Protein backbone atom coordinates (compact mmCIF):
# COMPACT_ATOMS: atom_id res chain seq x y z
CA UNK A 1 -46.43 -28.45 26.75
CA UNK A 2 -48.26 -26.47 23.21
CA UNK A 3 -45.59 -25.52 20.58
CA UNK A 4 -45.28 -22.89 19.29
CA UNK A 5 -45.40 -21.37 15.37
CA UNK A 6 -44.42 -17.92 13.73
CA UNK A 7 -45.00 -14.79 15.66
CA UNK A 8 -46.85 -16.37 18.51
CA UNK A 9 -43.53 -18.34 19.15
CA UNK A 10 -41.55 -15.94 19.47
CA UNK A 11 -43.51 -14.24 21.86
CA UNK A 12 -43.90 -17.66 23.63
CA UNK A 13 -40.19 -17.91 23.41
CA UNK A 14 -39.47 -14.77 26.22
CA UNK A 15 -41.78 -16.23 28.50
CA UNK A 16 -39.89 -19.44 28.64
CA UNK A 17 -43.07 -21.25 27.79
CA UNK A 18 -42.28 -23.29 24.35
CA UNK A 19 -40.45 -27.19 23.66
CA UNK A 20 -36.58 -27.44 23.87
CA UNK A 21 -36.93 -28.26 20.22
CA UNK A 22 -38.59 -25.64 19.24
CA UNK A 23 -36.60 -22.81 21.38
CA UNK A 24 -33.87 -24.03 19.25
CA UNK A 25 -34.74 -23.53 16.42
CA UNK A 26 -36.29 -20.28 17.28
CA UNK A 27 -33.15 -19.53 18.67
CA UNK A 28 -30.92 -20.12 15.79
CA UNK A 29 -33.42 -17.82 13.94
CA UNK A 30 -32.84 -15.24 16.57
CA UNK A 31 -28.65 -15.11 16.54
CA UNK A 32 -28.33 -15.46 12.74
CA UNK A 33 -30.93 -12.18 13.14
CA UNK A 34 -28.15 -10.82 15.93
CA UNK A 35 -24.91 -11.99 13.65
CA UNK A 36 -26.83 -10.08 10.79
CA UNK A 37 -27.18 -7.08 13.38
CA UNK A 38 -23.82 -7.14 14.54
CA UNK A 39 -21.95 -7.15 10.70
CA UNK A 40 -23.90 -3.72 9.88
CA UNK A 41 -22.18 -2.35 7.59
CA UNK A 42 -20.23 0.60 9.05
CA UNK A 43 -19.19 4.49 8.59
CA UNK A 44 -16.67 6.28 8.64
CA UNK A 45 -16.53 8.86 11.34
CA UNK A 46 -13.38 10.27 11.72
CA UNK A 47 -10.39 11.22 9.07
CA UNK A 48 -6.70 13.27 10.38
CA UNK A 49 -3.46 14.14 8.65
CA UNK A 50 -0.84 15.61 9.31
CA UNK A 51 2.59 16.31 7.34
CA UNK A 52 5.35 16.73 8.04
CA UNK A 53 7.89 18.26 7.31
CA UNK A 54 4.85 21.94 6.51
CA UNK A 55 7.72 23.26 5.10
CA UNK A 56 9.98 21.04 2.90
CA UNK A 57 14.01 22.99 2.53
CA UNK A 58 17.06 20.75 1.48
CA UNK A 59 18.03 18.86 -2.09
CA UNK A 60 15.50 18.62 -4.87
CA UNK A 61 12.84 17.34 -5.87
CA UNK A 62 10.95 17.70 -2.37
CA UNK A 63 8.84 15.33 -0.15
CA UNK A 64 6.31 15.05 2.86
CA UNK A 65 4.72 12.34 4.55
CA UNK A 66 1.79 12.39 5.44
CA UNK A 67 0.20 10.40 8.83
CA UNK A 68 -3.25 9.84 10.18
CA UNK A 69 -5.36 7.96 11.47
CA UNK A 70 -8.92 6.92 9.90
CA UNK A 71 -11.95 6.01 12.31
CA UNK A 72 -15.34 3.84 11.75
CA UNK A 73 -18.68 2.80 13.47
CA UNK A 74 -18.23 -0.74 12.96
CA UNK A 75 -17.83 -3.00 10.46
CA UNK A 76 -15.80 -1.09 6.48
CA UNK A 77 -13.53 -1.31 4.55
CA UNK A 78 -12.84 1.83 3.96
CA UNK A 79 -10.64 2.79 0.45
CA UNK A 80 -8.97 6.12 0.53
CA UNK A 81 -7.44 8.65 -1.48
CA UNK A 82 -4.76 12.15 -0.90
CA UNK A 83 -5.87 15.23 -2.46
CA UNK A 84 -4.22 18.76 -3.45
CA UNK A 85 -6.82 21.07 -3.14
CA UNK A 86 -4.19 23.76 -4.48
CA UNK A 87 -2.87 23.83 -7.80
CA UNK A 88 0.49 22.53 -8.79
CA UNK A 89 3.08 24.95 -10.28
CA UNK A 90 1.64 23.18 -13.67
CA UNK A 91 -1.37 24.05 -13.45
CA UNK A 92 -3.12 20.93 -12.23
CA UNK A 93 -4.51 19.64 -9.21
CA UNK A 94 -3.44 16.28 -8.30
CA UNK A 95 -3.80 13.16 -5.84
CA UNK A 96 -2.43 9.93 -5.03
CA UNK A 97 -3.88 6.61 -4.53
CA UNK A 98 -3.59 5.40 -0.38
CA UNK A 99 -4.43 2.12 -0.46
CA UNK A 100 -7.90 0.20 1.84
CA UNK A 101 -8.17 -0.61 5.25
CA UNK A 102 -10.23 -3.81 6.10
CA UNK A 103 -11.94 -2.97 9.52
CA UNK A 104 -13.27 -6.08 11.46
CA UNK A 105 -15.02 -4.14 14.32
CA UNK A 106 -15.94 0.22 15.18
CA UNK A 107 -12.01 1.41 16.12
CA UNK A 108 -9.27 3.77 14.33
CA UNK A 109 -6.71 2.81 12.70
CA UNK A 110 -3.69 4.60 11.20
CA UNK A 111 -2.64 5.72 7.75
CA UNK A 112 0.89 6.78 5.49
CA UNK A 113 2.50 8.26 2.67
CA UNK A 114 5.59 9.94 1.59
CA UNK A 115 5.24 11.83 -1.48
CA UNK A 116 8.18 13.21 -3.29
CA UNK A 117 7.26 16.36 -5.88
CA UNK A 118 9.41 15.45 -8.14
CA UNK A 119 8.13 17.14 -11.31
CA UNK A 120 6.96 20.16 -9.66
CA UNK A 121 9.79 22.50 -9.57
CA UNK A 122 12.08 23.85 -6.33
CA UNK A 123 9.59 26.40 -4.75
CA UNK A 124 5.50 25.42 -4.29
CA UNK A 125 2.76 25.84 -1.83
CA UNK A 126 -0.39 23.71 -1.44
CA UNK A 127 -2.51 21.93 0.96
CA UNK A 128 -3.36 18.44 1.21
CA UNK A 129 -6.20 16.11 2.40
CA UNK A 130 -7.47 13.02 2.32
CA UNK A 131 -10.56 11.52 1.86
CA UNK A 132 -13.25 8.52 0.81
CA UNK A 133 -16.08 7.92 -1.15
CA UNK A 134 -16.97 4.41 0.98
CA UNK A 135 -18.92 3.05 2.94
CA UNK A 136 -19.68 7.17 3.15
CA UNK A 137 -17.73 10.55 1.25
CA UNK A 138 -16.00 11.35 4.11
CA UNK A 139 -12.22 13.56 3.91
CA UNK A 140 -9.64 15.24 6.59
CA UNK A 141 -9.21 19.30 6.97
CA UNK A 142 -6.22 20.91 4.74
CA UNK A 143 -3.77 20.94 5.41
CA UNK A 144 -0.94 23.78 4.48
CA UNK A 145 2.19 22.55 2.77
CA UNK A 146 5.17 24.52 1.03
CA UNK A 147 8.52 22.94 -0.07
CA UNK A 148 11.61 25.40 -1.06
CA UNK A 149 14.12 23.09 -2.74
CA UNK A 150 17.75 23.80 -3.48
CA UNK A 151 20.67 21.86 -5.32
CA UNK A 152 21.03 19.43 -8.43
CA UNK A 153 20.16 16.12 -7.27
CA UNK A 154 20.57 14.74 -10.52
CA UNK A 155 23.21 14.72 -12.93
CA UNK A 156 24.26 12.85 -16.69
CA UNK A 157 26.29 10.35 -16.05
CA UNK A 158 28.79 8.17 -18.88
CA UNK A 159 26.95 6.93 -21.66
CA UNK A 160 23.69 9.39 -20.23
CA UNK A 161 21.92 7.24 -18.28
CA UNK A 162 20.74 9.56 -15.21
CA UNK A 163 21.84 9.20 -12.14
CA UNK A 164 20.90 10.59 -8.31
CA UNK A 165 24.48 11.97 -6.93
CA UNK A 166 23.18 11.63 -3.39
CA UNK A 167 23.11 7.94 -5.15
CA UNK A 168 26.95 7.95 -5.81
CA UNK A 169 28.07 7.96 -2.42
CA UNK A 170 25.20 6.36 -0.09
CA UNK A 171 25.64 5.50 3.53
CA UNK A 172 22.08 4.77 4.57
CA UNK A 173 18.90 3.74 3.09
CA UNK A 174 18.35 1.36 0.35
CA UNK A 175 20.62 3.10 -2.19
CA UNK A 176 23.39 1.72 -0.01
CA UNK A 177 23.36 -1.99 0.08
CA UNK A 178 25.84 -3.98 -1.16
CA UNK A 179 24.21 -6.75 -2.95
CA UNK A 180 24.56 -8.24 -5.84
CA UNK A 181 22.20 -8.18 -8.53
CA UNK A 182 21.49 -10.87 -11.22
CA UNK A 183 18.68 -11.51 -13.36
CA UNK A 184 18.06 -13.61 -16.58
CA UNK A 185 15.28 -14.03 -19.47
CA UNK A 186 15.71 -17.62 -21.83
CA UNK A 187 19.16 -17.71 -20.64
CA UNK A 188 20.53 -14.51 -21.45
CA UNK A 189 21.56 -11.87 -18.80
CA UNK A 190 19.60 -9.46 -18.08
CA UNK A 191 22.01 -5.99 -18.03
CA UNK A 192 20.16 -3.74 -15.31
CA UNK A 193 21.39 0.05 -14.21
CA UNK A 194 22.14 0.21 -10.79
CA UNK A 195 18.62 2.21 -9.84
CA UNK A 196 16.75 -0.49 -11.74
CA UNK A 197 18.60 -3.66 -9.27
CA UNK A 198 16.90 -1.06 -6.16
CA UNK A 199 13.32 -1.24 -8.06
CA UNK A 200 14.20 -4.98 -8.41
CA UNK A 201 14.99 -5.92 -5.06
CA UNK A 202 12.16 -3.66 -3.47
CA UNK A 203 9.83 -5.63 -5.97
CA UNK A 204 11.07 -9.52 -4.96
CA UNK A 205 10.64 -8.27 -1.05
CA UNK A 206 7.58 -7.45 -1.91
CA UNK A 207 6.38 -10.85 -3.41
CA UNK A 208 8.25 -12.29 -0.90
CA UNK A 209 6.18 -11.19 1.51
CA UNK A 210 2.78 -11.47 -0.03
CA UNK A 211 3.69 -14.83 -0.76
CA UNK A 212 3.31 -15.36 2.96
CA UNK A 213 0.86 -12.60 3.72
CA UNK A 214 -1.53 -15.53 1.82
CA UNK A 215 -1.57 -18.79 4.62
CA UNK A 216 -0.72 -16.15 7.87
CA UNK A 217 -1.21 -12.75 7.45
CA UNK A 218 -4.73 -10.89 9.57
CA UNK A 219 -5.86 -8.17 7.06
CA UNK A 220 -5.06 -7.50 3.72
CA UNK A 221 -0.96 -6.65 2.61
CA UNK A 222 -1.78 -3.69 1.38
CA UNK A 223 1.42 -1.38 0.84
CA UNK A 224 1.42 0.31 4.09
CA UNK A 225 0.42 -2.49 5.73
CA UNK A 226 4.07 -3.72 4.03
CA UNK A 227 5.57 -1.34 5.50
CA UNK A 228 4.52 -1.50 9.42
CA UNK A 229 4.61 -5.56 9.21
CA UNK A 230 1.12 -7.19 8.54
CA UNK A 231 -0.55 -8.68 11.35
CA UNK A 232 0.06 -12.64 11.80
CA UNK A 233 -2.76 -14.61 12.51
CA UNK A 234 -0.80 -17.40 13.29
CA UNK A 235 2.31 -16.18 15.42
CA UNK A 236 4.41 -16.18 11.63
CA UNK A 237 7.05 -14.41 11.52
CA UNK A 238 5.12 -11.81 8.51
CA UNK A 239 8.26 -8.97 9.15
CA UNK A 240 8.00 -4.90 7.30
CA UNK A 241 9.69 -3.74 4.24
CA UNK A 242 13.28 -2.23 5.82
CA UNK A 243 12.41 0.61 3.64
CA UNK A 244 9.17 2.29 2.15
CA UNK A 245 9.97 2.38 -1.52
CA UNK A 246 7.74 5.61 -2.56
CA UNK A 247 9.86 7.64 0.37
CA UNK A 248 13.46 6.10 0.13
CA UNK A 249 13.01 5.00 -3.97
CA UNK A 250 13.55 9.21 -5.78
CA UNK A 251 13.64 7.18 -9.52
CA UNK A 252 10.29 4.68 -9.25
CA UNK A 253 6.82 4.37 -7.93
CA UNK A 254 5.70 1.62 -6.22
CA UNK A 255 1.88 0.27 -6.62
CA UNK A 256 0.81 -3.27 -4.90
CA UNK A 257 -2.99 -4.62 -5.95
CA UNK A 258 -4.90 -7.35 -4.12
CA UNK A 259 -7.40 -10.10 -5.19
CA UNK A 260 -8.15 -12.75 -2.79
CA UNK A 261 -4.59 -14.59 -2.36
CA UNK A 262 -3.43 -13.12 -5.26
CA UNK A 263 -1.10 -9.86 -5.98
CA UNK A 264 0.24 -7.47 -8.47
CA UNK A 265 2.88 -5.25 -7.94
CA UNK A 266 4.48 -2.08 -10.31
CA UNK A 267 7.87 -0.42 -10.14
CA UNK A 268 6.86 2.29 -12.47
CA UNK A 269 10.42 4.87 -14.51
CA UNK A 270 9.38 8.47 -12.38
CA UNK A 271 12.43 9.21 -14.83
CA UNK A 272 13.40 8.61 -18.83
CA UNK A 273 16.18 5.75 -19.08
CA UNK A 274 15.18 3.53 -16.53
CA UNK A 275 13.31 0.04 -17.29
CA UNK A 276 10.06 -1.09 -15.84
CA UNK A 277 8.76 -4.31 -13.52
CA UNK A 278 5.50 -6.24 -13.34
CA UNK A 279 5.06 -8.62 -10.86
CA UNK A 280 1.55 -10.91 -11.00
CA UNK A 281 0.91 -13.58 -7.65
CA UNK A 282 -0.68 -16.41 -8.37
CA UNK A 283 -0.02 -20.03 -10.12
CA UNK A 284 1.35 -18.79 -13.60
CA UNK A 285 2.89 -15.89 -11.96
CA UNK A 286 6.17 -13.98 -11.92
CA UNK A 287 8.04 -10.67 -12.94
CA UNK A 288 8.24 -8.90 -16.16
CA UNK A 289 11.07 -6.09 -16.97
CA UNK A 290 9.92 -3.78 -19.87
CA UNK A 291 13.62 -1.45 -20.97
CA UNK A 292 11.25 1.32 -22.33
CA UNK A 293 9.11 1.67 -19.21
CA UNK A 294 6.25 0.49 -17.02
CA UNK A 295 5.72 -3.02 -17.68
CA UNK A 296 3.14 -5.80 -18.33
CA UNK A 297 2.97 -9.65 -18.18
CA UNK A 298 3.24 -9.55 -22.45
CA UNK A 299 7.42 -7.93 -21.43
CA UNK A 300 10.38 -9.71 -21.33
CA UNK A 301 9.79 -12.38 -18.13
CA UNK A 302 12.26 -13.18 -15.93
CA UNK A 303 12.88 -16.73 -15.37
CA UNK A 304 16.00 -16.84 -13.29
CA UNK A 305 17.39 -14.37 -11.15
CA UNK A 306 19.98 -14.26 -7.68
CA UNK A 307 20.13 -11.45 -5.08
CA UNK A 308 23.00 -12.44 -2.50
CA UNK A 309 24.07 -10.01 0.03
CA UNK A 310 21.25 -8.23 1.18
CA UNK A 311 17.39 -7.99 1.46
CA UNK A 312 14.46 -5.33 1.38
CA UNK A 313 12.43 -7.71 3.47
CA UNK A 314 13.33 -6.76 6.92
CA UNK A 315 12.44 -8.89 10.37
């Protein structure tokens, strides 16, 4: 039987007249080409966003939860952000990080973010959308919302420490925990305020979940994924955070960055008088504390810790 070669080989393959050895070669080439086509980058085709509530009335600071979805027509990695399109009372437009969604195929994934407007006054109106620049520019329709809050939720206590009145006797949320938190650096106890202890509990819960994610997760464990519960590839119970840290803790802003099986976590204070935490997950990782503000790995390293009675990592 005549063997095929070049373009003639592909044509004769269709007619079924090539030898077995040649067919195997061509099939390998053909399947590779098909796989390449199947994995061609997809595009974002739709972004949706809603706000709840659209008008916040309650204790200050105001807050709104934005939920929506992102749809692609194929494989894609989609970083997204939230943007305001009307100026805030300070005369500025603002944006908030969202996360990165990974699509293995065409489909739709949900997004959610609670934003606390701690520095924007008791009354304002603005609009928001969610958008991306990759793999193609796309944004949602604008969502209008307003804040009209009242009452003083923050006050001075003995010693000048800043404390939220709503946190003095909480019955729900992270501040209701009775956990005992102890941290040390080089054998010396670091005296943390209760607000700092709550932030440290969130950082440690995130660190613990990221460690499990590196071995068992079927998706990148972004902060959004940790809040809803990451997908497991092995049946291992990854759990989820008991609370959305950025929505439940008005004292800190939380951020997670991923790089393969390594991660970084920041808990940056939103108010003066509170220290910040930085966590790095790697062979030389750990958690660092800066009593004067946002922390880096150049600050005081926490080398001994104990959290007794509770955890913000749920099942």
